[in-house]
């Protein structure tokens, strides 16, 4: 798959660790990155650093994921 500005990605757990590394790599390839994480403070700062968007989402809660997906679609 070619990574470029025509692609978008949601990275769960993207505020730190392996998720952040994946988000950083995707952003470096001009992919539109949305980060789902429960750590709002760290997530917002990191998303701003890479030019992505942050959504406070708990992936263990179906309603939270649905809300996050709706927010990404409307962005």
PDB file of N, CA and C in Angstrom:
ATOM      1  N   UNK A   1       0.843  -1.169   0.000  1.00  0.00           N
ATOM      2  CA  UNK A   1       0.000   0.000   0.000  1.00  0.00           C
ATOM      3  C   UNK A   1       0.894   1.240   0.000  1.00  0.00           C
ATOM      4  N   UNK A   2       0.520   2.178  -0.843  1.00  0.00           N
ATOM      5  CA  UNK A   2       1.248   3.435  -0.903  1.00  0.00           C
ATOM      6  C   UNK A   2       0.703   4.378   0.166  1.00  0.00           C
ATOM      7  N   UNK A   3       1.589   4.919   0.992  1.00  0.00           N
ATOM      8  CA  UNK A   3       1.193   5.861   2.026  1.00  0.00           C
ATOM      9  C   UNK A   3       1.386   7.269   1.511  1.00  0.00           C
ATOM     10  N   UNK A   4       0.300   8.062   1.549  1.00  0.00           N
ATOM     11  CA  UNK A   4       0.375   9.457   1.112  1.00  0.00           C
ATOM     12  C   UNK A   4      -0.824  10.220   1.669  1.00  0.00           C
ATOM     13  N   UNK A   5      -0.966  11.485   1.236  1.00  0.00           N
ATOM     14  CA  UNK A   5      -2.007  12.354   1.776  1.00  0.00           C
ATOM     15  C   UNK A   5      -3.424  11.930   1.414  1.00  0.00           C
ATOM     16  N   UNK A   6      -3.581  10.971   0.513  1.00  0.00           N
ATOM     17  CA  UNK A   6      -4.918  10.498   0.168  1.00  0.00           C
ATOM     18  C   UNK A   6      -5.401   9.402   1.127  1.00  0.00           C
ATOM     19  N   UNK A   7      -4.548   8.985   2.022  1.00  0.00           N
ATOM     20  CA  UNK A   7      -4.881   7.932   2.990  1.00  0.00           C
ATOM     21  C   UNK A   7      -5.174   8.549   4.347  1.00  0.00           C
ATOM     22  N   UNK A   8      -5.991   7.850   5.124  1.00  0.00           N
ATOM     23  CA  UNK A   8      -6.236   8.235   6.511  1.00  0.00           C
ATOM     24  C   UNK A   8      -6.130   6.982   7.368  1.00  0.00           C
ATOM     25  N   UNK A   9      -5.778   7.191   8.627  1.00  0.00           N
ATOM     26  CA  UNK A   9      -5.601   6.062   9.533  1.00  0.00           C
ATOM     27  C   UNK A   9      -6.045   6.445  10.934  1.00  0.00           C
ATOM     28  N   UNK A  10      -6.599   5.477  11.632  1.00  0.00           N
ATOM     29  CA  UNK A  10      -6.900   5.622  13.054  1.00  0.00           C
ATOM     30  C   UNK A  10      -5.919   4.716  13.783  1.00  0.00           C
ATOM     31  N   UNK A  11      -5.204   5.295  14.738  1.00  0.00           N
ATOM     32  CA  UNK A  11      -4.242   4.524  15.517  1.00  0.00           C
ATOM     33  C   UNK A  11      -4.745   4.461  16.953  1.00  0.00           C
ATOM     34  N   UNK A  12      -5.111   3.270  17.403  1.00  0.00           N
ATOM     35  CA  UNK A  12      -5.558   3.113  18.783  1.00  0.00           C
ATOM     36  C   UNK A  12      -4.336   3.016  19.688  1.00  0.00           C
ATOM     37  N   UNK A  13      -4.450   3.608  20.860  1.00  0.00           N
ATOM     38  CA  UNK A  13      -3.302   3.653  21.759  1.00  0.00           C
ATOM     39  C   UNK A  13      -2.192   4.502  21.181  1.00  0.00           C
ATOM     40  N   UNK A  14      -2.557   5.476  20.369  1.00  0.00           N
ATOM     41  CA  UNK A  14      -1.575   6.254  19.617  1.00  0.00           C
ATOM     42  C   UNK A  14      -0.881   7.363  20.364  1.00  0.00           C
ATOM     43  N   UNK A  15      -1.191   7.565  21.638  1.00  0.00           N
ATOM     44  CA  UNK A  15      -0.574   8.652  22.386  1.00  0.00           C
ATOM     45  C   UNK A  15       0.810   8.304  22.922  1.00  0.00           C
ATOM     46  N   UNK A  16       1.158   7.018  22.919  1.00  0.00           N
ATOM     47  CA  UNK A  16       2.465   6.628  23.464  1.00  0.00           C
ATOM     48  C   UNK A  16       2.889   5.266  22.922  1.00  0.00           C
ATOM     49  N   UNK A  17       4.112   4.929  23.198  1.00  0.00           N
ATOM     50  CA  UNK A  17       4.638   3.610  22.872  1.00  0.00           C
ATOM     51  C   UNK A  17       4.580   3.247  21.399  1.00  0.00           C
ATOM     52  N   UNK A  18       4.261   1.995  21.130  1.00  0.00           N
ATOM     53  CA  UNK A  18       4.204   1.489  19.757  1.00  0.00           C
ATOM     54  C   UNK A  18       3.165   2.228  18.929  1.00  0.00           C
ATOM     55  N   UNK A  19       2.030   2.542  19.527  1.00  0.00           N
ATOM     56  CA  UNK A  19       1.001   3.293  18.809  1.00  0.00           C
ATOM     57  C   UNK A  19       1.516   4.644  18.353  1.00  0.00           C
ATOM     58  N   UNK A  20       2.246   5.337  19.206  1.00  0.00           N
ATOM     59  CA  UNK A  20       2.807   6.637  18.842  1.00  0.00           C
ATOM     60  C   UNK A  20       3.838   6.496  17.732  1.00  0.00           C
ATOM     61  N   UNK A  21       4.632   5.437  17.780  1.00  0.00           N
ATOM     62  CA  UNK A  21       5.627   5.204  16.728  1.00  0.00           C
ATOM     63  C   UNK A  21       4.940   4.978  15.383  1.00  0.00           C
ATOM     64  N   UNK A  22       3.859   4.222  15.384  1.00  0.00           N
ATOM     65  CA  UNK A  22       3.106   3.976  14.153  1.00  0.00           C
ATOM     66  C   UNK A  22       2.489   5.292  13.656  1.00  0.00           C
ATOM     67  N   UNK A  23       1.875   6.045  14.568  1.00  0.00           N
ATOM     68  CA  UNK A  23       1.263   7.321  14.192  1.00  0.00           C
ATOM     69  C   UNK A  23       2.303   8.279  13.617  1.00  0.00           C
ATOM     70  N   UNK A  24       3.472   8.339  14.234  1.00  0.00           N
ATOM     71  CA  UNK A  24       4.541   9.221  13.758  1.00  0.00           C
ATOM     72  C   UNK A  24       4.981   8.817  12.347  1.00  0.00           C
ATOM     73  N   UNK A  25       5.131   7.530  12.104  1.00  0.00           N
ATOM     74  CA  UNK A  25       5.555   7.039  10.783  1.00  0.00           C
ATOM     75  C   UNK A  25       4.504   7.353   9.722  1.00  0.00           C
ATOM     76  N   UNK A  26       3.254   7.137  10.047  1.00  0.00           N
ATOM     77  CA  UNK A  26       2.185   7.431   9.097  1.00  0.00           C
ATOM     78  C   UNK A  26       2.135   8.928   8.788  1.00  0.00           C
ATOM     79  N   UNK A  27       2.227   9.754   9.814  1.00  0.00           N
ATOM     80  CA  UNK A  27       2.204  11.206   9.616  1.00  0.00           C
ATOM     81  C   UNK A  27       3.387  11.661   8.764  1.00  0.00           C
ATOM     82  N   UNK A  28       4.542  11.045   8.962  1.00  0.00           N
ATOM     83  CA  UNK A  28       5.725  11.394   8.168  1.00  0.00           C
ATOM     84  C   UNK A  28       5.513  11.084   6.688  1.00  0.00           C
ATOM     85  N   UNK A  29       4.621  10.140   6.404  1.00  0.00           N
ATOM     86  CA  UNK A  29       4.303   9.784   5.017  1.00  0.00           C
ATOM     87  C   UNK A  29       3.093  10.567   4.503  1.00  0.00           C
ATOM     88  N   UNK A  30       2.694  11.602   5.236  1.00  0.00           N
ATOM     89  CA  UNK A  30       1.580  12.496   4.879  1.00  0.00           C
ATOM     90  C   UNK A  30       0.200  11.877   5.028  1.00  0.00           C
ATOM     91  N   UNK A  31       0.101  10.753   5.711  1.00  0.00           N
ATOM     92  CA  UNK A  31      -1.199  10.135   5.994  1.00  0.00           C
ATOM     93  C   UNK A  31      -1.927  10.998   7.024  1.00  0.00           C
ATOM     94  N   UNK A  32      -3.233  11.134   6.860  1.00  0.00           N
ATOM     95  CA  UNK A  32      -4.057  11.871   7.825  1.00  0.00           C
ATOM     96  C   UNK A  32      -4.298  10.955   9.027  1.00  0.00           C
ATOM     97  N   UNK A  33      -3.693  11.291  10.170  1.00  0.00           N
ATOM     98  CA  UNK A  33      -3.704  10.410  11.334  1.00  0.00           C
ATOM     99  C   UNK A  33      -4.687  10.894  12.396  1.00  0.00           C
ATOM    100  N   UNK A  34      -5.526   9.974  12.842  1.00  0.00           N
ATOM    101  CA  UNK A  34      -6.410  10.207  13.980  1.00  0.00           C
ATOM    102  C   UNK A  34      -5.972   9.259  15.087  1.00  0.00           C
ATOM    103  N   UNK A  35      -5.799   9.806  16.266  1.00  0.00           N
ATOM    104  CA  UNK A  35      -5.328   9.021  17.408  1.00  0.00           C
ATOM    105  C   UNK A  35      -6.485   8.793  18.373  1.00  0.00           C
ATOM    106  N   UNK A  36      -6.706   7.532  18.717  1.00  0.00           N
ATOM    107  CA  UNK A  36      -7.663   7.156  19.757  1.00  0.00           C
ATOM    108  C   UNK A  36      -6.858   6.736  20.978  1.00  0.00           C
ATOM    109  N   UNK A  37      -7.127   7.368  22.113  1.00  0.00           N
ATOM    110  CA  UNK A  37      -6.422   7.007  23.342  1.00  0.00           C
ATOM    111  C   UNK A  37      -7.217   7.547  24.521  1.00  0.00           C
ATOM    112  N   UNK A  38      -6.992   6.989  25.698  1.00  0.00           N
ATOM    113  CA  UNK A  38      -7.652   7.474  26.906  1.00  0.00           C
ATOM    114  C   UNK A  38      -6.843   8.571  27.586  1.00  0.00           C
ATOM    115  N   UNK A  39      -5.582   8.713  27.241  1.00  0.00           N
ATOM    116  CA  UNK A  39      -4.720   9.737  27.838  1.00  0.00           C
ATOM    117  C   UNK A  39      -4.876  11.038  27.045  1.00  0.00           C
ATOM    118  N   UNK A  40      -5.861  11.847  27.447  1.00  0.00           N
ATOM    119  CA  UNK A  40      -6.205  13.046  26.691  1.00  0.00           C
ATOM    120  C   UNK A  40      -5.083  14.075  26.664  1.00  0.00           C
ATOM    121  N   UNK A  41      -4.448  14.315  27.793  1.00  0.00           N
ATOM    122  CA  UNK A  41      -3.393  15.336  27.823  1.00  0.00           C
ATOM    123  C   UNK A  41      -2.248  14.975  26.889  1.00  0.00           C
ATOM    124  N   UNK A  42      -1.732  13.789  27.029  1.00  0.00           N
ATOM    125  CA  UNK A  42      -0.626  13.343  26.187  1.00  0.00           C
ATOM    126  C   UNK A  42      -1.063  13.200  24.736  1.00  0.00           C
ATOM    127  N   UNK A  43      -2.256  12.715  24.515  1.00  0.00           N
ATOM    128  CA  UNK A  43      -2.762  12.522  23.164  1.00  0.00           C
ATOM    129  C   UNK A  43      -2.901  13.807  22.386  1.00  0.00           C
ATOM    130  N   UNK A  44      -3.431  14.837  23.035  1.00  0.00           N
ATOM    131  CA  UNK A  44      -3.591  16.133  22.362  1.00  0.00           C
ATOM    132  C   UNK A  44      -2.243  16.723  21.973  1.00  0.00           C
ATOM    133  N   UNK A  45      -1.298  16.679  22.896  1.00  0.00           N
ATOM    134  CA  UNK A  45       0.035  17.231  22.631  1.00  0.00           C
ATOM    135  C   UNK A  45       0.708  16.472  21.494  1.00  0.00           C
ATOM    136  N   UNK A  46       0.649  15.158  21.554  1.00  0.00           N
ATOM    137  CA  UNK A  46       1.305  14.354  20.520  1.00  0.00           C
ATOM    138  C   UNK A  46       0.654  14.556  19.159  1.00  0.00           C
ATOM    139  N   UNK A  47      -0.679  14.576  19.125  1.00  0.00           N
ATOM    140  CA  UNK A  47      -1.382  14.780  17.852  1.00  0.00           C
ATOM    141  C   UNK A  47      -0.984  16.117  17.237  1.00  0.00           C
ATOM    142  N   UNK A  48      -0.878  17.141  18.051  1.00  0.00           N
ATOM    143  CA  UNK A  48      -0.462  18.449  17.546  1.00  0.00           C
ATOM    144  C   UNK A  48       0.964  18.386  16.980  1.00  0.00           C
ATOM    145  N   UNK A  49       1.844  17.668  17.655  1.00  0.00           N
ATOM    146  CA  UNK A  49       3.235  17.548  17.210  1.00  0.00           C
ATOM    147  C   UNK A  49       3.347  16.909  15.829  1.00  0.00           C
ATOM    148  N   UNK A  50       2.491  15.936  15.549  1.00  0.00           N
ATOM    149  CA  UNK A  50       2.602  15.226  14.268  1.00  0.00           C
ATOM    150  C   UNK A  50       1.610  15.725  13.222  1.00  0.00           C
ATOM    151  N   UNK A  51       0.810  16.718  13.579  1.00  0.00           N
ATOM    152  CA  UNK A  51      -0.177  17.236  12.633  1.00  0.00           C
ATOM    153  C   UNK A  51      -1.401  16.357  12.497  1.00  0.00           C
ATOM    154  N   UNK A  52      -1.686  15.575  13.532  1.00  0.00           N
ATOM    155  CA  UNK A  52      -2.848  14.695  13.511  1.00  0.00           C
ATOM    156  C   UNK A  52      -3.981  15.233  14.347  1.00  0.00           C
ATOM    157  N   UNK A  53      -4.966  14.395  14.577  1.00  0.00           N
ATOM    158  CA  UNK A  53      -6.111  14.749  15.407  1.00  0.00           C
ATOM    159  C   UNK A  53      -6.224  13.740  16.536  1.00  0.00           C
ATOM    160  N   UNK A  54      -6.648  14.226  17.691  1.00  0.00           N
ATOM    161  CA  UNK A  54      -6.808  13.364  18.854  1.00  0.00           C
ATOM    162  C   UNK A  54      -8.277  13.222  19.216  1.00  0.00           C
ATOM    163  N   UNK A  55      -8.649  12.002  19.608  1.00  0.00           N
ATOM    164  CA  UNK A  55      -9.995  11.711  20.087  1.00  0.00           C
ATOM    165  C   UNK A  55      -9.867  10.880  21.362  1.00  0.00           C
ATOM    166  N   UNK A  56     -10.505  11.342  22.430  1.00  0.00           N
ATOM    167  CA  UNK A  56     -10.487  10.602  23.690  1.00  0.00           C
ATOM    168  C   UNK A  56     -11.438   9.421  23.546  1.00  0.00           C
ATOM    169  N   UNK A  57     -10.872   8.260  23.303  1.00  0.00           N
ATOM    170  CA  UNK A  57     -11.666   7.050  23.054  1.00  0.00           C
ATOM    171  C   UNK A  57     -11.126   5.912  23.899  1.00  0.00           C
ATOM    172  N   UNK A  58     -12.029   5.202  24.540  1.00  0.00           N
ATOM    173  CA  UNK A  58     -11.699   3.986  25.280  1.00  0.00           C
ATOM    174  C   UNK A  58     -12.131   2.812  24.403  1.00  0.00           C
ATOM    175  N   UNK A  59     -11.176   2.123  23.807  1.00  0.00           N
ATOM    176  CA  UNK A  59     -11.515   1.065  22.852  1.00  0.00           C
ATOM    177  C   UNK A  59     -12.158  -0.155  23.508  1.00  0.00           C
ATOM    178  N   UNK A  60     -12.191  -0.188  24.831  1.00  0.00           N
ATOM    179  CA  UNK A  60     -12.896  -1.288  25.508  1.00  0.00           C
ATOM    180  C   UNK A  60     -14.378  -0.972  25.693  1.00  0.00           C
ATOM    181  N   UNK A  61     -14.810   0.206  25.247  1.00  0.00           N
ATOM    182  CA  UNK A  61     -16.198   0.644  25.383  1.00  0.00           C
ATOM    183  C   UNK A  61     -16.769   0.916  23.984  1.00  0.00           C
ATOM    184  N   UNK A  62     -17.708   0.083  23.574  1.00  0.00           N
ATOM    185  CA  UNK A  62     -18.273   0.183  22.220  1.00  0.00           C
ATOM    186  C   UNK A  62     -18.875   1.559  21.934  1.00  0.00           C
ATOM    187  N   UNK A  63     -19.543   2.140  22.908  1.00  0.00           N
ATOM    188  CA  UNK A  63     -20.146   3.465  22.705  1.00  0.00           C
ATOM    189  C   UNK A  63     -19.069   4.521  22.472  1.00  0.00           C
ATOM    190  N   UNK A  64     -17.971   4.425  23.202  1.00  0.00           N
ATOM    191  CA  UNK A  64     -16.861   5.366  23.026  1.00  0.00           C
ATOM    192  C   UNK A  64     -16.259   5.239  21.639  1.00  0.00           C
ATOM    193  N   UNK A  65     -16.099   4.020  21.172  1.00  0.00           N
ATOM    194  CA  UNK A  65     -15.560   3.795  19.822  1.00  0.00           C
ATOM    195  C   UNK A  65     -16.522   4.339  18.767  1.00  0.00           C
ATOM    196  N   UNK A  66     -17.799   4.105  18.946  1.00  0.00           N
ATOM    197  CA  UNK A  66     -18.789   4.624  17.982  1.00  0.00           C
ATOM    198  C   UNK A  66     -18.749   6.142  17.925  1.00  0.00           C
ATOM    199  N   UNK A  67     -18.642   6.786  19.073  1.00  0.00           N
ATOM    200  CA  UNK A  67     -18.551   8.244  19.124  1.00  0.00           C
ATOM    201  C   UNK A  67     -17.279   8.733  18.442  1.00  0.00           C
ATOM    202  N   UNK A  68     -16.170   8.043  18.698  1.00  0.00           N
ATOM    203  CA  UNK A  68     -14.899   8.405  18.059  1.00  0.00           C
ATOM    204  C   UNK A  68     -14.952   8.267  16.553  1.00  0.00           C
ATOM    205  N   UNK A  69     -15.533   7.178  16.090  1.00  0.00           N
ATOM    206  CA  UNK A  69     -15.638   6.958  14.644  1.00  0.00           C
ATOM    207  C   UNK A  69     -16.517   8.033  13.994  1.00  0.00           C
ATOM    208  N   UNK A  70     -17.606   8.385  14.659  1.00  0.00           N
ATOM    209  CA  UNK A  70     -18.488   9.430  14.132  1.00  0.00           C
ATOM    210  C   UNK A  70     -17.747  10.768  14.053  1.00  0.00           C
ATOM    211  N   UNK A  71     -16.944  11.054  15.059  1.00  0.00           N
ATOM    212  CA  UNK A  71     -16.178  12.310  15.077  1.00  0.00           C
ATOM    213  C   UNK A  71     -15.148  12.330  13.952  1.00  0.00           C
ATOM    214  N   UNK A  72     -14.490  11.203  13.723  1.00  0.00           N
ATOM    215  CA  UNK A  72     -13.501  11.132  12.629  1.00  0.00           C
ATOM    216  C   UNK A  72     -14.186  11.328  11.289  1.00  0.00           C
ATOM    217  N   UNK A  73     -15.314  10.679  11.096  1.00  0.00           N
ATOM    218  CA  UNK A  73     -16.033  10.794   9.816  1.00  0.00           C
ATOM    219  C   UNK A  73     -16.482  12.219   9.543  1.00  0.00           C
ATOM    220  N   UNK A  74     -16.856  12.949  10.604  1.00  0.00           N
ATOM    221  CA  UNK A  74     -17.335  14.315  10.385  1.00  0.00           C
ATOM    222  C   UNK A  74     -16.202  15.325  10.250  1.00  0.00           C
ATOM    223  N   UNK A  75     -15.001  14.930  10.612  1.00  0.00           N
ATOM    224  CA  UNK A  75     -13.855  15.873  10.548  1.00  0.00           C
ATOM    225  C   UNK A  75     -13.360  16.094   9.137  1.00  0.00           C
TER     226      UNK A  75
END
